[in-house]
């Protein structure tokens, strides 16, 4: 039986740019997460909203919504967020 992963294998995500994109960003502390996002996107217009908190309160996640201009822009932001010392994970 063919799965969705089988159908998508080797296919590239095709988006029409510019478009709105949402990154789910996970960190240990809210303030550190907010500062990390500011470091990466600087003064760029964006919306940051609460998402989840782990049961133990060890991690917090927030949604970062912003306009991305092209594939390189979208990937650059993802990579920069992922590499930031205060960010644990980016989805």
PDB file of N, CA and C in Angstrom:
ATOM      1  N   UNK A   1       0.848  -1.191   0.000  1.00  0.00           N
ATOM      2  CA  UNK A   1       0.000   0.000   0.000  1.00  0.00           C
ATOM      3  C   UNK A   1       0.888   1.248   0.000  1.00  0.00           C
ATOM      4  N   UNK A   2       0.609   2.171  -0.896  1.00  0.00           N
ATOM      5  CA  UNK A   2       1.403   3.390  -1.017  1.00  0.00           C
ATOM      6  C   UNK A   2       1.011   4.383   0.074  1.00  0.00           C
ATOM      7  N   UNK A   3       2.017   4.903   0.763  1.00  0.00           N
ATOM      8  CA  UNK A   3       1.763   5.880   1.826  1.00  0.00           C
ATOM      9  C   UNK A   3       1.968   7.290   1.293  1.00  0.00           C
ATOM     10  N   UNK A   4       1.591   8.267   2.105  1.00  0.00           N
ATOM     11  CA  UNK A   4       1.790   9.663   1.729  1.00  0.00           C
ATOM     12  C   UNK A   4       3.273   9.957   1.538  1.00  0.00           C
ATOM     13  N   UNK A   5       4.118   9.392   2.414  1.00  0.00           N
ATOM     14  CA  UNK A   5       5.561   9.600   2.279  1.00  0.00           C
ATOM     15  C   UNK A   5       6.071   9.064   0.946  1.00  0.00           C
ATOM     16  N   UNK A   6       5.532   7.920   0.502  1.00  0.00           N
ATOM     17  CA  UNK A   6       5.930   7.365  -0.791  1.00  0.00           C
ATOM     18  C   UNK A   6       5.565   8.320  -1.923  1.00  0.00           C
ATOM     19  N   UNK A   7       4.377   8.896  -1.838  1.00  0.00           N
ATOM     20  CA  UNK A   7       3.914   9.829  -2.875  1.00  0.00           C
ATOM     21  C   UNK A   7       4.753  11.100  -2.908  1.00  0.00           C
ATOM     22  N   UNK A   8       5.208  11.540  -1.728  1.00  0.00           N
ATOM     23  CA  UNK A   8       5.941  12.803  -1.631  1.00  0.00           C
ATOM     24  C   UNK A   8       7.443  12.645  -1.832  1.00  0.00           C
ATOM     25  N   UNK A   9       7.932  11.423  -1.812  1.00  0.00           N
ATOM     26  CA  UNK A   9       9.366  11.185  -1.917  1.00  0.00           C
ATOM     27  C   UNK A   9       9.934  11.787  -3.201  1.00  0.00           C
ATOM     28  N   UNK A  10      10.997  12.552  -3.038  1.00  0.00           N
ATOM     29  CA  UNK A  10      11.662  13.165  -4.188  1.00  0.00           C
ATOM     30  C   UNK A  10      10.976  14.418  -4.698  1.00  0.00           C
ATOM     31  N   UNK A  11       9.858  14.808  -4.101  1.00  0.00           N
ATOM     32  CA  UNK A  11       9.143  16.005  -4.544  1.00  0.00           C
ATOM     33  C   UNK A  11       9.564  17.190  -3.686  1.00  0.00           C
ATOM     34  N   UNK A  12       9.668  18.323  -4.314  1.00  0.00           N
ATOM     35  CA  UNK A  12      10.039  19.544  -3.614  1.00  0.00           C
ATOM     36  C   UNK A  12       8.779  20.340  -3.303  1.00  0.00           C
ATOM     37  N   UNK A  13       8.765  20.974  -2.142  1.00  0.00           N
ATOM     38  CA  UNK A  13       7.654  21.825  -1.755  1.00  0.00           C
ATOM     39  C   UNK A  13       7.606  23.011  -2.719  1.00  0.00           C
ATOM     40  N   UNK A  14       6.473  23.185  -3.384  1.00  0.00           N
ATOM     41  CA  UNK A  14       6.341  24.290  -4.328  1.00  0.00           C
ATOM     42  C   UNK A  14       5.419  25.342  -3.744  1.00  0.00           C
ATOM     43  N   UNK A  15       5.985  26.490  -3.503  1.00  0.00           N
ATOM     44  CA  UNK A  15       5.229  27.606  -2.930  1.00  0.00           C
ATOM     45  C   UNK A  15       5.281  28.781  -3.888  1.00  0.00           C
ATOM     46  N   UNK A  16       4.259  29.611  -3.833  1.00  0.00           N
ATOM     47  CA  UNK A  16       4.277  30.849  -4.604  1.00  0.00           C
ATOM     48  C   UNK A  16       4.708  31.962  -3.669  1.00  0.00           C
ATOM     49  N   UNK A  17       5.811  32.601  -4.007  1.00  0.00           N
ATOM     50  CA  UNK A  17       6.370  33.669  -3.172  1.00  0.00           C
ATOM     51  C   UNK A  17       5.999  35.010  -3.732  1.00  0.00           C
ATOM     52  N   UNK A  18       5.934  36.041  -2.884  1.00  0.00           N
ATOM     53  CA  UNK A  18       6.058  35.970  -1.428  1.00  0.00           C
ATOM     54  C   UNK A  18       4.827  35.306  -0.807  1.00  0.00           C
ATOM     55  N   UNK A  19       5.026  34.714   0.372  1.00  0.00           N
ATOM     56  CA  UNK A  19       3.911  34.078   1.076  1.00  0.00           C
ATOM     57  C   UNK A  19       4.144  34.148   2.579  1.00  0.00           C
ATOM     58  N   UNK A  20       3.065  33.994   3.324  1.00  0.00           N
ATOM     59  CA  UNK A  20       3.178  33.942   4.777  1.00  0.00           C
ATOM     60  C   UNK A  20       3.649  32.562   5.181  1.00  0.00           C
ATOM     61  N   UNK A  21       4.528  32.496   6.168  1.00  0.00           N
ATOM     62  CA  UNK A  21       5.075  31.232   6.640  1.00  0.00           C
ATOM     63  C   UNK A  21       5.076  31.238   8.165  1.00  0.00           C
ATOM     64  N   UNK A  22       4.808  30.079   8.747  1.00  0.00           N
ATOM     65  CA  UNK A  22       4.804  29.963  10.199  1.00  0.00           C
ATOM     66  C   UNK A  22       5.876  28.989  10.645  1.00  0.00           C
ATOM     67  N   UNK A  23       6.754  29.459  11.509  1.00  0.00           N
ATOM     68  CA  UNK A  23       7.766  28.612  12.143  1.00  0.00           C
ATOM     69  C   UNK A  23       7.312  28.367  13.577  1.00  0.00           C
ATOM     70  N   UNK A  24       7.356  27.134  14.039  1.00  0.00           N
ATOM     71  CA  UNK A  24       7.107  26.830  15.444  1.00  0.00           C
ATOM     72  C   UNK A  24       8.491  26.773  16.090  1.00  0.00           C
ATOM     73  N   UNK A  25       8.710  27.640  17.068  1.00  0.00           N
ATOM     74  CA  UNK A  25      10.025  27.781  17.682  1.00  0.00           C
ATOM     75  C   UNK A  25       9.937  27.339  19.143  1.00  0.00           C
ATOM     76  N   UNK A  26      10.879  26.472  19.544  1.00  0.00           N
ATOM     77  CA  UNK A  26      10.863  25.895  20.891  1.00  0.00           C
ATOM     78  C   UNK A  26      12.140  26.289  21.629  1.00  0.00           C
ATOM     79  N   UNK A  27      11.968  26.726  22.878  1.00  0.00           N
ATOM     80  CA  UNK A  27      13.098  27.139  23.708  1.00  0.00           C
ATOM     81  C   UNK A  27      12.783  26.839  25.170  1.00  0.00           C
ATOM     82  N   UNK A  28      13.766  27.096  26.028  1.00  0.00           N
ATOM     83  CA  UNK A  28      13.577  26.855  27.460  1.00  0.00           C
ATOM     84  C   UNK A  28      12.857  27.992  28.162  1.00  0.00           C
ATOM     85  N   UNK A  29      13.100  29.218  27.707  1.00  0.00           N
ATOM     86  CA  UNK A  29      12.517  30.388  28.367  1.00  0.00           C
ATOM     87  C   UNK A  29      11.883  31.325  27.346  1.00  0.00           C
ATOM     88  N   UNK A  30      10.779  31.900  27.728  1.00  0.00           N
ATOM     89  CA  UNK A  30      10.039  32.814  26.856  1.00  0.00           C
ATOM     90  C   UNK A  30      10.891  34.023  26.434  1.00  0.00           C
ATOM     91  N   UNK A  31      11.517  34.659  27.400  1.00  0.00           N
ATOM     92  CA  UNK A  31      12.304  35.864  27.089  1.00  0.00           C
ATOM     93  C   UNK A  31      13.478  35.534  26.171  1.00  0.00           C
ATOM     94  N   UNK A  32      14.135  34.412  26.415  1.00  0.00           N
ATOM     95  CA  UNK A  32      15.261  33.988  25.568  1.00  0.00           C
ATOM     96  C   UNK A  32      14.772  33.712  24.149  1.00  0.00           C
ATOM     97  N   UNK A  33      13.605  33.105  24.029  1.00  0.00           N
ATOM     98  CA  UNK A  33      13.031  32.814  22.712  1.00  0.00           C
ATOM     99  C   UNK A  33      12.715  34.116  21.976  1.00  0.00           C
ATOM    100  N   UNK A  34      12.094  35.053  22.673  1.00  0.00           N
ATOM    101  CA  UNK A  34      11.753  36.345  22.060  1.00  0.00           C
ATOM    102  C   UNK A  34      13.014  37.091  21.619  1.00  0.00           C
ATOM    103  N   UNK A  35      14.051  37.075  22.440  1.00  0.00           N
ATOM    104  CA  UNK A  35      15.306  37.743  22.087  1.00  0.00           C
ATOM    105  C   UNK A  35      15.991  37.062  20.906  1.00  0.00           C
ATOM    106  N   UNK A  36      15.931  35.751  20.857  1.00  0.00           N
ATOM    107  CA  UNK A  36      16.537  35.003  19.749  1.00  0.00           C
ATOM    108  C   UNK A  36      15.845  35.361  18.433  1.00  0.00           C
ATOM    109  N   UNK A  37      14.537  35.424  18.463  1.00  0.00           N
ATOM    110  CA  UNK A  37      13.788  35.782  17.250  1.00  0.00           C
ATOM    111  C   UNK A  37      14.145  37.200  16.814  1.00  0.00           C
ATOM    112  N   UNK A  38      14.264  38.104  17.769  1.00  0.00           N
ATOM    113  CA  UNK A  38      14.659  39.486  17.454  1.00  0.00           C
ATOM    114  C   UNK A  38      16.064  39.509  16.829  1.00  0.00           C
ATOM    115  N   UNK A  39      16.972  38.678  17.357  1.00  0.00           N
ATOM    116  CA  UNK A  39      18.327  38.584  16.800  1.00  0.00           C
ATOM    117  C   UNK A  39      18.291  38.161  15.336  1.00  0.00           C
ATOM    118  N   UNK A  40      17.425  37.224  15.018  1.00  0.00           N
ATOM    119  CA  UNK A  40      17.394  36.640  13.671  1.00  0.00           C
ATOM    120  C   UNK A  40      16.665  37.521  12.672  1.00  0.00           C
ATOM    121  N   UNK A  41      15.488  38.020  13.039  1.00  0.00           N
ATOM    122  CA  UNK A  41      14.702  38.758  12.040  1.00  0.00           C
ATOM    123  C   UNK A  41      14.774  40.267  12.199  1.00  0.00           C
ATOM    124  N   UNK A  42      15.457  40.736  13.242  1.00  0.00           N
ATOM    125  CA  UNK A  42      15.689  42.159  13.453  1.00  0.00           C
ATOM    126  C   UNK A  42      14.377  42.937  13.485  1.00  0.00           C
ATOM    127  N   UNK A  43      14.224  43.928  12.642  1.00  0.00           N
ATOM    128  CA  UNK A  43      13.037  44.797  12.669  1.00  0.00           C
ATOM    129  C   UNK A  43      11.960  44.333  11.696  1.00  0.00           C
ATOM    130  N   UNK A  44      12.130  43.177  11.117  1.00  0.00           N
ATOM    131  CA  UNK A  44      11.186  42.676  10.114  1.00  0.00           C
ATOM    132  C   UNK A  44       9.799  42.463  10.731  1.00  0.00           C
ATOM    133  N   UNK A  45       8.764  42.848  10.003  1.00  0.00           N
ATOM    134  CA  UNK A  45       7.399  42.707  10.506  1.00  0.00           C
ATOM    135  C   UNK A  45       7.058  41.230  10.699  1.00  0.00           C
ATOM    136  N   UNK A  46       6.475  40.916  11.859  1.00  0.00           N
ATOM    137  CA  UNK A  46       6.141  39.527  12.174  1.00  0.00           C
ATOM    138  C   UNK A  46       5.067  39.481  13.256  1.00  0.00           C
ATOM    139  N   UNK A  47       4.534  38.297  13.461  1.00  0.00           N
ATOM    140  CA  UNK A  47       3.573  38.075  14.549  1.00  0.00           C
ATOM    141  C   UNK A  47       4.091  36.895  15.354  1.00  0.00           C
ATOM    142  N   UNK A  48       4.183  37.076  16.663  1.00  0.00           N
ATOM    143  CA  UNK A  48       4.651  36.028  17.562  1.00  0.00           C
ATOM    144  C   UNK A  48       3.508  35.692  18.513  1.00  0.00           C
ATOM    145  N   UNK A  49       3.118  34.419  18.528  1.00  0.00           N
ATOM    146  CA  UNK A  49       1.998  34.026  19.383  1.00  0.00           C
ATOM    147  C   UNK A  49       2.345  32.772  20.181  1.00  0.00           C
ATOM    148  N   UNK A  50       1.721  32.660  21.338  1.00  0.00           N
ATOM    149  CA  UNK A  50       1.942  31.489  22.193  1.00  0.00           C
ATOM    150  C   UNK A  50       1.436  30.235  21.512  1.00  0.00           C
ATOM    151  N   UNK A  51       2.142  29.144  21.727  1.00  0.00           N
ATOM    152  CA  UNK A  51       1.706  27.865  21.181  1.00  0.00           C
ATOM    153  C   UNK A  51       1.474  26.895  22.333  1.00  0.00           C
ATOM    154  N   UNK A  52       2.531  26.266  22.826  1.00  0.00           N
ATOM    155  CA  UNK A  52       2.395  25.277  23.900  1.00  0.00           C
ATOM    156  C   UNK A  52       3.479  25.443  24.950  1.00  0.00           C
ATOM    157  N   UNK A  53       3.261  24.767  26.063  1.00  0.00           N
ATOM    158  CA  UNK A  53       4.262  24.667  27.119  1.00  0.00           C
ATOM    159  C   UNK A  53       4.307  23.197  27.502  1.00  0.00           C
ATOM    160  N   UNK A  54       5.496  22.673  27.740  1.00  0.00           N
ATOM    161  CA  UNK A  54       5.593  21.267  28.125  1.00  0.00           C
ATOM    162  C   UNK A  54       4.949  21.051  29.494  1.00  0.00           C
ATOM    163  N   UNK A  55       4.545  19.822  29.770  1.00  0.00           N
ATOM    164  CA  UNK A  55       3.879  19.508  31.043  1.00  0.00           C
ATOM    165  C   UNK A  55       4.716  19.927  32.243  1.00  0.00           C
ATOM    166  N   UNK A  56       6.022  19.750  32.135  1.00  0.00           N
ATOM    167  CA  UNK A  56       6.917  20.087  33.244  1.00  0.00           C
ATOM    168  C   UNK A  56       7.282  21.577  33.258  1.00  0.00           C
ATOM    169  N   UNK A  57       6.945  22.284  32.173  1.00  0.00           N
ATOM    170  CA  UNK A  57       7.281  23.701  32.088  1.00  0.00           C
ATOM    171  C   UNK A  57       8.716  23.943  31.663  1.00  0.00           C
ATOM    172  N   UNK A  58       9.411  22.878  31.268  1.00  0.00           N
ATOM    173  CA  UNK A  58      10.816  22.997  30.878  1.00  0.00           C
ATOM    174  C   UNK A  58      10.979  23.679  29.516  1.00  0.00           C
ATOM    175  N   UNK A  59       9.988  23.496  28.640  1.00  0.00           N
ATOM    176  CA  UNK A  59      10.058  24.075  27.298  1.00  0.00           C
ATOM    177  C   UNK A  59       8.804  24.867  26.983  1.00  0.00           C
ATOM    178  N   UNK A  60       8.984  25.879  26.130  1.00  0.00           N
ATOM    179  CA  UNK A  60       7.884  26.705  25.658  1.00  0.00           C
ATOM    180  C   UNK A  60       7.983  26.764  24.141  1.00  0.00           C
ATOM    181  N   UNK A  61       6.847  26.778  23.472  1.00  0.00           N
ATOM    182  CA  UNK A  61       6.881  26.959  22.023  1.00  0.00           C
ATOM    183  C   UNK A  61       6.001  28.134  21.643  1.00  0.00           C
ATOM    184  N   UNK A  62       6.432  28.812  20.591  1.00  0.00           N
ATOM    185  CA  UNK A  62       5.690  29.955  20.073  1.00  0.00           C
ATOM    186  C   UNK A  62       5.655  29.849  18.556  1.00  0.00           C
ATOM    187  N   UNK A  63       4.624  30.447  17.961  1.00  0.00           N
ATOM    188  CA  UNK A  63       4.513  30.490  16.504  1.00  0.00           C
ATOM    189  C   UNK A  63       5.020  31.839  16.011  1.00  0.00           C
ATOM    190  N   UNK A  64       5.918  31.781  15.044  1.00  0.00           N
ATOM    191  CA  UNK A  64       6.447  32.980  14.412  1.00  0.00           C
ATOM    192  C   UNK A  64       5.892  33.031  12.995  1.00  0.00           C
ATOM    193  N   UNK A  65       5.023  33.997  12.737  1.00  0.00           N
ATOM    194  CA  UNK A  65       4.428  34.175  11.412  1.00  0.00           C
ATOM    195  C   UNK A  65       5.035  35.399  10.755  1.00  0.00           C
ATOM    196  N   UNK A  66       5.491  35.234   9.507  1.00  0.00           N
ATOM    197  CA  UNK A  66       6.001  36.375   8.771  1.00  0.00           C
ATOM    198  C   UNK A  66       5.971  36.115   7.285  1.00  0.00           C
ATOM    199  N   UNK A  67       6.149  37.165   6.520  1.00  0.00           N
ATOM    200  CA  UNK A  67       6.175  37.082   5.074  1.00  0.00           C
ATOM    201  C   UNK A  67       7.578  36.682   4.635  1.00  0.00           C
ATOM    202  N   UNK A  68       7.664  35.600   3.861  1.00  0.00           N
ATOM    203  CA  UNK A  68       8.959  35.206   3.299  1.00  0.00           C
ATOM    204  C   UNK A  68       8.930  35.535   1.807  1.00  0.00           C
ATOM    205  N   UNK A  69      10.056  36.002   1.295  1.00  0.00           N
ATOM    206  CA  UNK A  69      10.095  36.533  -0.065  1.00  0.00           C
ATOM    207  C   UNK A  69      10.430  35.494  -1.119  1.00  0.00           C
ATOM    208  N   UNK A  70      11.188  34.468  -0.731  1.00  0.00           N
ATOM    209  CA  UNK A  70      11.556  33.406  -1.669  1.00  0.00           C
ATOM    210  C   UNK A  70      12.076  32.205  -0.881  1.00  0.00           C
ATOM    211  N   UNK A  71      12.420  31.146  -1.579  1.00  0.00           N
ATOM    212  CA  UNK A  71      12.877  29.914  -0.925  1.00  0.00           C
ATOM    213  C   UNK A  71      14.142  30.154  -0.095  1.00  0.00           C
ATOM    214  N   UNK A  72      15.080  30.926  -0.631  1.00  0.00           N
ATOM    215  CA  UNK A  72      16.319  31.208   0.107  1.00  0.00           C
ATOM    216  C   UNK A  72      16.030  31.962   1.402  1.00  0.00           C
ATOM    217  N   UNK A  73      15.127  32.912   1.342  1.00  0.00           N
ATOM    218  CA  UNK A  73      14.740  33.694   2.513  1.00  0.00           C
ATOM    219  C   UNK A  73      14.126  32.773   3.571  1.00  0.00           C
ATOM    220  N   UNK A  74      13.191  31.926   3.155  1.00  0.00           N
ATOM    221  CA  UNK A  74      12.524  30.996   4.076  1.00  0.00           C
ATOM    222  C   UNK A  74      13.535  30.060   4.729  1.00  0.00           C
ATOM    223  N   UNK A  75      14.448  29.528   3.935  1.00  0.00           N
ATOM    224  CA  UNK A  75      15.451  28.587   4.444  1.00  0.00           C
ATOM    225  C   UNK A  75      16.475  29.292   5.335  1.00  0.00           C
ATOM    226  N   UNK A  76      16.863  30.517   4.972  1.00  0.00           N
ATOM    227  CA  UNK A  76      17.820  31.276   5.777  1.00  0.00           C
ATOM    228  C   UNK A  76      17.279  31.515   7.184  1.00  0.00           C
ATOM    229  N   UNK A  77      16.012  31.932   7.275  1.00  0.00           N
ATOM    230  CA  UNK A  77      15.405  32.192   8.592  1.00  0.00           C
ATOM    231  C   UNK A  77      15.350  30.903   9.407  1.00  0.00           C
ATOM    232  N   UNK A  78      14.928  29.816   8.761  1.00  0.00           N
ATOM    233  CA  UNK A  78      14.874  28.519   9.443  1.00  0.00           C
ATOM    234  C   UNK A  78      16.249  28.135   9.992  1.00  0.00           C
ATOM    235  N   UNK A  79      17.271  28.220   9.154  1.00  0.00           N
ATOM    236  CA  UNK A  79      18.627  27.843   9.569  1.00  0.00           C
ATOM    237  C   UNK A  79      19.148  28.750  10.680  1.00  0.00           C
ATOM    238  N   UNK A  80      18.907  30.049  10.558  1.00  0.00           N
ATOM    239  CA  UNK A  80      19.382  31.001  11.574  1.00  0.00           C
ATOM    240  C   UNK A  80      18.698  30.755  12.917  1.00  0.00           C
ATOM    241  N   UNK A  81      17.404  30.478  12.895  1.00  0.00           N
ATOM    242  CA  UNK A  81      16.695  30.172  14.140  1.00  0.00           C
ATOM    243  C   UNK A  81      17.231  28.884  14.748  1.00  0.00           C
ATOM    244  N   UNK A  82      17.403  27.880  13.909  1.00  0.00           N
ATOM    245  CA  UNK A  82      17.860  26.566  14.369  1.00  0.00           C
ATOM    246  C   UNK A  82      19.257  26.628  15.008  1.00  0.00           C
ATOM    247  N   UNK A  83      20.111  27.490  14.473  1.00  0.00           N
ATOM    248  CA  UNK A  83      21.492  27.604  14.965  1.00  0.00           C
ATOM    249  C   UNK A  83      21.617  28.478  16.209  1.00  0.00           C
ATOM    250  N   UNK A  84      20.588  29.262  16.520  1.00  0.00           N
ATOM    251  CA  UNK A  84      20.687  30.197  17.643  1.00  0.00           C
ATOM    252  C   UNK A  84      20.829  29.435  18.956  1.00  0.00           C
ATOM    253  N   UNK A  85      21.720  29.907  19.806  1.00  0.00           N
ATOM    254  CA  UNK A  85      22.046  29.204  21.058  1.00  0.00           C
ATOM    255  C   UNK A  85      20.873  29.040  22.010  1.00  0.00           C
ATOM    256  N   UNK A  86      19.881  29.923  21.962  1.00  0.00           N
ATOM    257  CA  UNK A  86      18.754  29.849  22.900  1.00  0.00           C
ATOM    258  C   UNK A  86      17.559  29.046  22.370  1.00  0.00           C
ATOM    259  N   UNK A  87      17.634  28.627  21.126  1.00  0.00           N
ATOM    260  CA  UNK A  87      16.526  27.887  20.517  1.00  0.00           C
ATOM    261  C   UNK A  87      16.864  26.404  20.482  1.00  0.00           C
ATOM    262  N   UNK A  88      15.937  25.614  21.000  1.00  0.00           N
ATOM    263  CA  UNK A  88      16.134  24.157  21.064  1.00  0.00           C
ATOM    264  C   UNK A  88      15.726  23.478  19.763  1.00  0.00           C
ATOM    265  N   UNK A  89      14.628  23.950  19.130  1.00  0.00           N
ATOM    266  CA  UNK A  89      14.118  23.289  17.939  1.00  0.00           C
ATOM    267  C   UNK A  89      13.249  24.244  17.136  1.00  0.00           C
ATOM    268  N   UNK A  90      13.223  24.025  15.811  1.00  0.00           N
ATOM    269  CA  UNK A  90      12.367  24.804  14.912  1.00  0.00           C
ATOM    270  C   UNK A  90      11.604  23.826  14.040  1.00  0.00           C
ATOM    271  N   UNK A  91      10.305  24.002  13.960  1.00  0.00           N
ATOM    272  CA  UNK A  91       9.475  23.156  13.092  1.00  0.00           C
ATOM    273  C   UNK A  91       8.810  24.008  12.039  1.00  0.00           C
TER     274      UNK A  91
END
